[in-house]
Amino acid sequence: MLLTIDIDGEWSVRELAEVLDSFEALAGYFIDGSIVRFGLYPPKVDPFDGSATLAPNTIFRHHLYLSRFSYASPGSFDVLGAAKIIEQIRLFLEFLINLWIARNDRHLERDERHLELAQRKLELIQKIQAMQPDMIEFIENGASNSILGAVLQGKITGVSAGSSKDE
């Protein structure tokens, strides 16, 4: 089965190698629960024949194969593997992407609220300066920020003065 992974932005060789290594580890995890990553283990060199083992006593039984790579902006790469592995990786990636998009949307909504609040705050400050000129210094040095913010967010909704029996 084939899995196409879309990519964008600038990648270093190490970043790409680590991502591909993680996909291979993910394949092993979905098949038999093993997690083996090349990057976690230094190569072991056999002193007799000079051969190098990249992971300790591990033969990858469930390889993924890179069948196509297109590095552009945006680009993609295709990975071949067993249908069960590819499906699980696809589902996992979709989950991560959707989670990131939802988080990013929440950040954008929050930023929009902050901008709207700042604009309303500026309008309120301008009205205060026009109607209460003696408050200009208090406002200009930022001392009023938390009060203005609480009012604009609807956290302070009213004020009243009462008399105390101790007066």
N, C-alpha and C. Protein backbone atom coordinates (compact mmCIF):
# COMPACT_ATOMS: atom_id res chain seq x y z
N MET A 1 0.85 -1.17 0.00
CA MET A 1 0.00 0.00 0.00
C MET A 1 0.89 1.23 0.00
N LEU A 2 0.42 2.29 -0.60
CA LEU A 2 1.18 3.52 -0.75
C LEU A 2 0.61 4.61 0.16
N LEU A 3 1.49 5.36 0.81
CA LEU A 3 1.09 6.49 1.64
C LEU A 3 1.86 7.70 1.14
N THR A 4 1.14 8.76 0.77
CA THR A 4 1.77 10.00 0.33
C THR A 4 1.75 10.98 1.48
N ILE A 5 2.89 11.54 1.79
CA ILE A 5 3.02 12.48 2.89
C ILE A 5 3.42 13.83 2.30
N ASP A 6 2.56 14.82 2.47
CA ASP A 6 2.84 16.16 1.95
C ASP A 6 3.77 16.89 2.90
N ILE A 7 4.72 17.62 2.32
CA ILE A 7 5.67 18.38 3.13
C ILE A 7 5.75 19.80 2.60
N ASP A 8 6.22 20.68 3.43
CA ASP A 8 6.38 22.08 3.04
C ASP A 8 7.45 22.68 3.92
N GLY A 9 7.97 23.79 3.51
CA GLY A 9 8.96 24.49 4.31
C GLY A 9 10.37 24.00 4.05
N GLU A 10 11.28 24.50 4.83
CA GLU A 10 12.69 24.17 4.69
C GLU A 10 13.05 23.02 5.63
N TRP A 11 13.71 22.01 5.09
CA TRP A 11 14.10 20.83 5.86
C TRP A 11 15.60 20.67 5.82
N SER A 12 16.17 20.28 6.94
CA SER A 12 17.58 19.89 6.93
C SER A 12 17.63 18.39 6.64
N VAL A 13 18.78 17.92 6.24
CA VAL A 13 18.95 16.49 5.98
C VAL A 13 18.66 15.69 7.25
N ARG A 14 19.15 16.18 8.38
CA ARG A 14 18.93 15.48 9.65
C ARG A 14 17.44 15.40 9.99
N GLU A 15 16.71 16.51 9.79
CA GLU A 15 15.27 16.49 10.09
C GLU A 15 14.55 15.45 9.25
N LEU A 16 14.87 15.42 7.96
CA LEU A 16 14.22 14.45 7.08
C LEU A 16 14.58 13.02 7.49
N ALA A 17 15.86 12.79 7.78
CA ALA A 17 16.29 11.45 8.19
C ALA A 17 15.58 11.04 9.48
N GLU A 18 15.43 11.96 10.42
CA GLU A 18 14.77 11.63 11.68
C GLU A 18 13.29 11.32 11.47
N VAL A 19 12.65 12.05 10.56
CA VAL A 19 11.23 11.78 10.28
C VAL A 19 11.07 10.41 9.63
N LEU A 20 11.91 10.12 8.65
CA LEU A 20 11.83 8.81 8.00
C LEU A 20 12.14 7.70 9.00
N ASP A 21 13.11 7.92 9.86
CA ASP A 21 13.45 6.95 10.90
C ASP A 21 12.26 6.74 11.83
N SER A 22 11.56 7.81 12.16
CA SER A 22 10.39 7.70 13.04
C SER A 22 9.28 6.91 12.37
N PHE A 23 9.10 7.10 11.05
CA PHE A 23 8.09 6.31 10.35
C PHE A 23 8.42 4.82 10.41
N GLU A 24 9.68 4.49 10.24
CA GLU A 24 10.09 3.09 10.32
C GLU A 24 9.83 2.55 11.73
N ALA A 25 10.14 3.34 12.74
CA ALA A 25 9.88 2.93 14.12
C ALA A 25 8.38 2.79 14.37
N LEU A 26 7.60 3.69 13.80
CA LEU A 26 6.15 3.64 13.95
C LEU A 26 5.59 2.36 13.31
N ALA A 27 6.15 1.98 12.17
CA ALA A 27 5.72 0.74 11.51
C ALA A 27 5.95 -0.45 12.43
N GLY A 28 7.13 -0.54 13.04
CA GLY A 28 7.42 -1.63 13.96
C GLY A 28 6.50 -1.62 15.17
N TYR A 29 6.19 -0.43 15.64
CA TYR A 29 5.30 -0.30 16.80
C TYR A 29 3.90 -0.81 16.48
N PHE A 30 3.39 -0.44 15.30
CA PHE A 30 2.04 -0.87 14.94
C PHE A 30 1.96 -2.36 14.66
N ILE A 31 3.06 -2.98 14.24
CA ILE A 31 3.04 -4.41 13.96
C ILE A 31 3.21 -5.25 15.22
N ASP A 32 4.28 -4.98 15.99
CA ASP A 32 4.54 -5.86 17.14
C ASP A 32 4.90 -5.12 18.42
N GLY A 33 4.70 -3.81 18.45
CA GLY A 33 4.96 -3.06 19.67
C GLY A 33 6.42 -2.69 19.88
N SER A 34 7.30 -3.06 18.95
CA SER A 34 8.71 -2.72 19.12
C SER A 34 8.96 -1.28 18.65
N ILE A 35 9.88 -0.62 19.31
CA ILE A 35 10.26 0.74 18.93
C ILE A 35 11.77 0.75 18.77
N VAL A 36 12.21 0.76 17.54
CA VAL A 36 13.64 0.78 17.27
C VAL A 36 13.91 1.95 16.34
N ARG A 37 14.82 2.81 16.76
CA ARG A 37 15.19 3.95 15.94
C ARG A 37 16.69 3.96 15.76
N PHE A 38 17.13 4.16 14.52
CA PHE A 38 18.57 4.21 14.24
C PHE A 38 19.24 5.30 15.04
N GLY A 39 18.63 6.47 15.10
CA GLY A 39 19.26 7.62 15.73
C GLY A 39 19.51 7.47 17.22
N LEU A 40 18.84 6.52 17.86
CA LEU A 40 18.99 6.36 19.30
C LEU A 40 20.20 5.53 19.69
N TYR A 41 20.75 4.81 18.72
CA TYR A 41 21.83 3.90 19.03
C TYR A 41 23.05 4.22 18.19
N PRO A 42 24.23 4.33 18.81
CA PRO A 42 25.44 4.52 18.00
C PRO A 42 25.74 3.24 17.24
N PRO A 43 26.33 3.35 16.05
CA PRO A 43 26.65 2.12 15.30
C PRO A 43 27.64 1.26 16.08
N LYS A 44 27.43 -0.04 16.03
CA LYS A 44 28.36 -0.99 16.65
C LYS A 44 29.16 -1.64 15.54
N VAL A 45 30.47 -1.56 15.64
CA VAL A 45 31.34 -2.11 14.59
C VAL A 45 31.93 -3.42 15.08
N ASP A 46 31.79 -4.45 14.27
CA ASP A 46 32.37 -5.75 14.58
C ASP A 46 33.87 -5.69 14.30
N PRO A 47 34.74 -5.94 15.31
CA PRO A 47 36.18 -5.80 15.09
C PRO A 47 36.76 -6.85 14.14
N PHE A 48 36.04 -7.94 13.91
CA PHE A 48 36.58 -9.01 13.06
C PHE A 48 36.35 -8.75 11.57
N ASP A 49 35.14 -8.33 11.21
CA ASP A 49 34.91 -8.13 9.78
C ASP A 49 34.63 -6.67 9.42
N GLY A 50 34.58 -5.79 10.41
CA GLY A 50 34.38 -4.37 10.15
C GLY A 50 32.95 -3.98 9.83
N SER A 51 32.02 -4.92 9.93
CA SER A 51 30.62 -4.59 9.63
C SER A 51 30.04 -3.74 10.75
N ALA A 52 29.09 -2.90 10.39
CA ALA A 52 28.46 -2.00 11.37
C ALA A 52 26.99 -2.37 11.53
N THR A 53 26.55 -2.38 12.76
CA THR A 53 25.14 -2.60 13.07
C THR A 53 24.60 -1.28 13.60
N LEU A 54 23.53 -0.79 12.97
CA LEU A 54 23.00 0.50 13.37
C LEU A 54 22.08 0.44 14.58
N ALA A 55 21.45 -0.69 14.81
CA ALA A 55 20.59 -0.85 15.97
C ALA A 55 20.97 -2.14 16.66
N PRO A 56 20.86 -2.21 17.97
CA PRO A 56 21.35 -3.38 18.69
C PRO A 56 20.55 -4.64 18.39
N ASN A 57 21.21 -5.61 17.78
CA ASN A 57 20.63 -6.93 17.53
C ASN A 57 19.23 -6.88 16.93
N THR A 58 19.00 -5.94 16.06
CA THR A 58 17.66 -5.78 15.51
C THR A 58 17.70 -5.91 14.00
N ILE A 59 16.85 -6.74 13.51
CA ILE A 59 16.62 -6.83 12.08
C ILE A 59 15.21 -6.31 11.85
N PHE A 60 15.10 -5.27 11.06
CA PHE A 60 13.77 -4.72 10.81
C PHE A 60 12.97 -5.70 9.97
N ARG A 61 11.90 -6.17 10.53
CA ARG A 61 11.05 -7.12 9.82
C ARG A 61 9.97 -6.42 9.01
N HIS A 62 9.69 -5.18 9.33
CA HIS A 62 8.56 -4.49 8.71
C HIS A 62 9.07 -3.17 8.12
N HIS A 63 9.76 -3.27 7.03
CA HIS A 63 10.33 -2.08 6.41
C HIS A 63 9.26 -1.26 5.70
N LEU A 64 9.51 0.03 5.67
CA LEU A 64 8.82 0.93 4.77
C LEU A 64 9.81 1.27 3.68
N TYR A 65 9.33 1.49 2.50
CA TYR A 65 10.21 1.81 1.39
C TYR A 65 9.82 3.15 0.80
N LEU A 66 10.79 3.99 0.60
CA LEU A 66 10.57 5.29 -0.01
C LEU A 66 10.50 5.09 -1.52
N SER A 67 9.33 5.32 -2.10
CA SER A 67 9.18 5.05 -3.53
C SER A 67 9.30 6.31 -4.38
N ARG A 68 9.01 7.47 -3.82
CA ARG A 68 9.11 8.70 -4.57
C ARG A 68 9.32 9.84 -3.59
N PHE A 69 10.11 10.81 -4.01
CA PHE A 69 10.38 11.96 -3.16
C PHE A 69 10.39 13.20 -4.04
N SER A 70 9.57 14.17 -3.69
CA SER A 70 9.52 15.42 -4.44
C SER A 70 9.72 16.56 -3.46
N TYR A 71 10.90 17.14 -3.48
CA TYR A 71 11.16 18.24 -2.56
C TYR A 71 10.92 19.55 -3.28
N ALA A 72 9.86 20.19 -2.94
CA ALA A 72 9.49 21.48 -3.49
C ALA A 72 8.74 22.19 -2.37
N SER A 73 8.12 23.28 -2.70
CA SER A 73 7.34 23.97 -1.69
C SER A 73 5.95 24.23 -2.26
N PRO A 74 4.98 23.40 -2.00
CA PRO A 74 5.03 22.18 -1.18
C PRO A 74 5.54 20.99 -1.98
N GLY A 75 5.88 19.94 -1.28
CA GLY A 75 6.37 18.71 -1.90
C GLY A 75 5.69 17.53 -1.25
N SER A 76 6.23 16.34 -1.52
CA SER A 76 5.65 15.14 -0.92
C SER A 76 6.64 14.00 -1.06
N PHE A 77 6.39 12.95 -0.29
CA PHE A 77 7.10 11.70 -0.52
C PHE A 77 6.13 10.56 -0.34
N ASP A 78 6.38 9.50 -1.10
CA ASP A 78 5.55 8.31 -1.06
C ASP A 78 6.29 7.21 -0.32
N VAL A 79 5.57 6.54 0.54
CA VAL A 79 6.12 5.43 1.32
C VAL A 79 5.30 4.19 1.00
N LEU A 80 5.99 3.10 0.74
CA LEU A 80 5.34 1.81 0.49
C LEU A 80 5.51 0.92 1.70
N GLY A 81 4.49 0.15 2.01
CA GLY A 81 4.57 -0.79 3.11
C GLY A 81 3.33 -1.65 3.15
N ALA A 82 3.28 -2.52 4.13
CA ALA A 82 2.13 -3.39 4.32
C ALA A 82 0.89 -2.54 4.58
N ALA A 83 -0.23 -2.97 4.03
CA ALA A 83 -1.47 -2.20 4.12
C ALA A 83 -1.84 -1.86 5.57
N LYS A 84 -1.68 -2.82 6.47
CA LYS A 84 -2.04 -2.60 7.87
C LYS A 84 -1.17 -1.49 8.48
N ILE A 85 0.11 -1.51 8.17
CA ILE A 85 1.03 -0.51 8.71
C ILE A 85 0.70 0.87 8.14
N ILE A 86 0.55 0.92 6.82
CA ILE A 86 0.28 2.20 6.15
C ILE A 86 -1.01 2.82 6.67
N GLU A 87 -2.04 2.00 6.84
CA GLU A 87 -3.32 2.51 7.33
C GLU A 87 -3.18 3.10 8.74
N GLN A 88 -2.46 2.42 9.62
CA GLN A 88 -2.27 2.91 10.98
C GLN A 88 -1.45 4.21 10.99
N ILE A 89 -0.42 4.27 10.16
CA ILE A 89 0.39 5.50 10.08
C ILE A 89 -0.47 6.64 9.55
N ARG A 90 -1.28 6.36 8.52
CA ARG A 90 -2.16 7.39 7.97
C ARG A 90 -3.11 7.92 9.03
N LEU A 91 -3.74 7.02 9.77
CA LEU A 91 -4.68 7.44 10.82
C LEU A 91 -3.97 8.27 11.90
N PHE A 92 -2.76 7.83 12.28
CA PHE A 92 -2.00 8.55 13.29
C PHE A 92 -1.63 9.95 12.80
N LEU A 93 -1.17 10.05 11.54
CA LEU A 93 -0.81 11.36 10.99
C LEU A 93 -2.02 12.27 10.87
N GLU A 94 -3.15 11.73 10.43
CA GLU A 94 -4.37 12.52 10.35
C GLU A 94 -4.76 13.06 11.72
N PHE A 95 -4.65 12.22 12.73
CA PHE A 95 -4.95 12.66 14.10
C PHE A 95 -4.04 13.81 14.50
N LEU A 96 -2.73 13.67 14.26
CA LEU A 96 -1.79 14.72 14.63
C LEU A 96 -2.05 16.02 13.86
N ILE A 97 -2.29 15.89 12.56
CA ILE A 97 -2.54 17.08 11.73
C ILE A 97 -3.80 17.78 12.19
N ASN A 98 -4.88 17.03 12.41
CA ASN A 98 -6.14 17.64 12.86
C ASN A 98 -5.98 18.29 14.23
N LEU A 99 -5.22 17.65 15.10
CA LEU A 99 -4.96 18.23 16.42
C LEU A 99 -4.21 19.54 16.30
N TRP A 100 -3.20 19.56 15.41
CA TRP A 100 -2.41 20.78 15.22
C TRP A 100 -3.27 21.88 14.60
N ILE A 101 -4.09 21.54 13.61
CA ILE A 101 -4.95 22.53 12.96
C ILE A 101 -5.92 23.12 13.98
N ALA A 102 -6.52 22.26 14.80
CA ALA A 102 -7.46 22.75 15.82
C ALA A 102 -6.75 23.67 16.81
N ARG A 103 -5.54 23.29 17.19
CA ARG A 103 -4.77 24.12 18.12
C ARG A 103 -4.42 25.46 17.47
N ASN A 104 -4.01 25.40 16.21
CA ASN A 104 -3.66 26.61 15.48
C ASN A 104 -4.89 27.52 15.34
N ASP A 105 -6.06 26.92 15.06
CA ASP A 105 -7.29 27.70 14.96
C ASP A 105 -7.62 28.38 16.28
N ARG A 106 -7.41 27.65 17.39
CA ARG A 106 -7.66 28.25 18.70
C ARG A 106 -6.72 29.43 18.94
N HIS A 107 -5.45 29.29 18.52
CA HIS A 107 -4.50 30.39 18.67
C HIS A 107 -4.94 31.59 17.84
N LEU A 108 -5.40 31.35 16.61
CA LEU A 108 -5.86 32.44 15.76
C LEU A 108 -7.08 33.13 16.37
N GLU A 109 -8.02 32.34 16.87
CA GLU A 109 -9.20 32.92 17.50
C GLU A 109 -8.81 33.75 18.72
N ARG A 110 -7.87 33.24 19.50
CA ARG A 110 -7.42 33.99 20.67
C ARG A 110 -6.73 35.29 20.25
N ASP A 111 -5.89 35.21 19.21
CA ASP A 111 -5.21 36.41 18.72
C ASP A 111 -6.21 37.43 18.20
N GLU A 112 -7.25 36.95 17.50
CA GLU A 112 -8.29 37.86 17.02
C GLU A 112 -9.01 38.53 18.19
N ARG A 113 -9.29 37.76 19.23
CA ARG A 113 -9.95 38.35 20.41
C ARG A 113 -9.05 39.39 21.05
N HIS A 114 -7.73 39.10 21.12
CA HIS A 114 -6.80 40.07 21.69
C HIS A 114 -6.76 41.36 20.86
N LEU A 115 -6.77 41.22 19.54
CA LEU A 115 -6.77 42.40 18.68
C LEU A 115 -8.04 43.21 18.85
N GLU A 116 -9.17 42.51 18.88
CA GLU A 116 -10.45 43.19 19.07
C GLU A 116 -10.48 43.90 20.43
N LEU A 117 -9.98 43.21 21.44
CA LEU A 117 -9.94 43.79 22.78
C LEU A 117 -9.03 45.01 22.81
N ALA A 118 -7.88 44.92 22.14
CA ALA A 118 -6.96 46.06 22.10
C ALA A 118 -7.59 47.25 21.39
N GLN A 119 -8.31 46.98 20.31
CA GLN A 119 -8.97 48.07 19.59
C GLN A 119 -10.04 48.73 20.46
N ARG A 120 -10.84 47.91 21.13
CA ARG A 120 -11.88 48.46 22.02
C ARG A 120 -11.24 49.23 23.17
N LYS A 121 -10.11 48.71 23.66
CA LYS A 121 -9.40 49.37 24.75
C LYS A 121 -8.90 50.74 24.31
N LEU A 122 -8.35 50.81 23.10
CA LEU A 122 -7.87 52.08 22.57
C LEU A 122 -9.01 53.08 22.43
N GLU A 123 -10.14 52.63 21.92
CA GLU A 123 -11.31 53.53 21.81
C GLU A 123 -11.74 54.03 23.18
N LEU A 124 -11.75 53.14 24.15
CA LEU A 124 -12.14 53.53 25.51
C LEU A 124 -11.14 54.52 26.10
N ILE A 125 -9.86 54.30 25.89
CA ILE A 125 -8.83 55.22 26.39
C ILE A 125 -9.01 56.60 25.77
N GLN A 126 -9.28 56.65 24.47
CA GLN A 126 -9.47 57.94 23.81
C GLN A 126 -10.67 58.68 24.39
N LYS A 127 -11.75 57.97 24.68
CA LYS A 127 -12.92 58.60 25.29
C LYS A 127 -12.61 59.08 26.71
N ILE A 128 -11.86 58.27 27.46
CA ILE A 128 -11.49 58.67 28.82
C ILE A 128 -10.63 59.93 28.78
N GLN A 129 -9.67 59.97 27.87
CA GLN A 129 -8.79 61.14 27.77
C GLN A 129 -9.58 62.39 27.41
N ALA A 130 -10.60 62.23 26.58
CA ALA A 130 -11.41 63.39 26.19
C ALA A 130 -12.33 63.82 27.32
N MET A 131 -12.88 62.89 28.07
CA MET A 131 -13.87 63.22 29.09
C MET A 131 -13.28 63.34 30.49
N GLN A 132 -12.15 62.69 30.75
CA GLN A 132 -11.53 62.71 32.07
C GLN A 132 -10.04 63.06 31.91
N PRO A 133 -9.68 64.28 31.52
CA PRO A 133 -8.29 64.62 31.26
C PRO A 133 -7.36 64.43 32.46
N ASP A 134 -7.90 64.47 33.67
CA ASP A 134 -7.07 64.28 34.85
C ASP A 134 -6.60 62.83 35.00
N MET A 135 -7.15 61.91 34.22
CA MET A 135 -6.78 60.49 34.29
C MET A 135 -5.71 60.11 33.26
N ILE A 136 -5.24 61.07 32.46
CA ILE A 136 -4.32 60.77 31.37
C ILE A 136 -3.04 60.09 31.86
N GLU A 137 -2.43 60.61 32.91
CA GLU A 137 -1.18 60.03 33.40
C GLU A 137 -1.39 58.60 33.89
N PHE A 138 -2.49 58.38 34.58
CA PHE A 138 -2.80 57.04 35.08
C PHE A 138 -2.94 56.04 33.93
N ILE A 139 -3.56 56.49 32.86
CA ILE A 139 -3.76 55.63 31.69
C ILE A 139 -2.46 55.45 30.92
N GLU A 140 -1.72 56.53 30.70
CA GLU A 140 -0.51 56.48 29.89
C GLU A 140 0.58 55.60 30.48
N ASN A 141 0.67 55.52 31.80
CA ASN A 141 1.73 54.68 32.37
C ASN A 141 1.31 53.23 32.52
N GLY A 142 0.14 52.87 32.00
CA GLY A 142 -0.30 51.47 31.98
C GLY A 142 -0.96 50.99 33.25
N ALA A 143 -1.11 51.86 34.22
CA ALA A 143 -1.71 51.43 35.50
C ALA A 143 -3.15 51.00 35.34
N SER A 144 -3.81 51.46 34.29
CA SER A 144 -5.23 51.14 34.11
C SER A 144 -5.46 49.89 33.27
N ASN A 145 -4.40 49.27 32.77
CA ASN A 145 -4.57 48.16 31.83
C ASN A 145 -5.44 47.03 32.36
N SER A 146 -5.19 46.60 33.58
CA SER A 146 -5.95 45.47 34.09
C SER A 146 -7.41 45.84 34.34
N ILE A 147 -7.64 47.07 34.74
CA ILE A 147 -9.02 47.52 34.96
C ILE A 147 -9.76 47.59 33.63
N LEU A 148 -9.13 48.24 32.65
CA LEU A 148 -9.76 48.35 31.33
C LEU A 148 -10.02 46.96 30.74
N GLY A 149 -9.04 46.09 30.87
CA GLY A 149 -9.20 44.73 30.35
C GLY A 149 -10.37 44.01 31.01
N ALA A 150 -10.49 44.14 32.32
CA ALA A 150 -11.58 43.48 33.04
C ALA A 150 -12.93 44.03 32.63
N VAL A 151 -13.00 45.33 32.39
CA VAL A 151 -14.26 45.93 31.96
C VAL A 151 -14.61 45.45 30.55
N LEU A 152 -13.65 45.50 29.64
CA LEU A 152 -13.90 45.12 28.26
C LEU A 152 -14.20 43.63 28.09
N GLN A 153 -13.70 42.81 28.98
CA GLN A 153 -13.97 41.38 28.91
C GLN A 153 -15.26 41.02 29.64
N GLY A 154 -15.89 42.02 30.21
CA GLY A 154 -17.13 41.77 30.91
C GLY A 154 -16.93 41.20 32.30
N LYS A 155 -15.71 41.31 32.82
CA LYS A 155 -15.44 40.79 34.16
C LYS A 155 -15.84 41.79 35.24
N ILE A 156 -15.78 43.07 34.91
CA ILE A 156 -16.31 44.12 35.80
C ILE A 156 -17.54 44.67 35.08
N THR A 157 -18.69 44.47 35.67
CA THR A 157 -19.94 44.84 34.99
C THR A 157 -20.69 45.96 35.67
N GLY A 158 -20.25 46.34 36.82
CA GLY A 158 -20.97 47.43 37.51
C GLY A 158 -20.16 47.89 38.71
N VAL A 159 -20.59 49.04 39.22
CA VAL A 159 -19.95 49.58 40.41
C VAL A 159 -20.97 50.41 41.16
N SER A 160 -20.88 50.34 42.45
CA SER A 160 -21.81 51.15 43.24
C SER A 160 -21.11 51.53 44.54
N ALA A 161 -21.60 52.59 45.12
CA ALA A 161 -21.05 53.03 46.40
C ALA A 161 -22.16 52.98 47.43
N GLY A 162 -21.83 52.48 48.58
CA GLY A 162 -22.82 52.40 49.66
C GLY A 162 -22.25 53.07 50.90
N SER A 163 -23.10 53.26 51.85
CA SER A 163 -22.63 53.87 53.08
C SER A 163 -22.37 52.78 54.12
N SER A 164 -21.42 53.10 54.95
CA SER A 164 -21.08 52.17 56.01
C SER A 164 -21.60 52.72 57.32
N LYS A 165 -22.01 51.86 58.21
CA LYS A 165 -22.51 52.32 59.51
C LYS A 165 -21.40 52.88 60.37
N ASP A 166 -20.11 52.55 60.01
CA ASP A 166 -18.99 53.02 60.81
C ASP A 166 -18.60 54.45 60.46
N GLU A 167 -19.18 55.03 59.42
CA GLU A 167 -18.78 56.38 59.01
C GLU A 167 -19.24 57.43 59.98
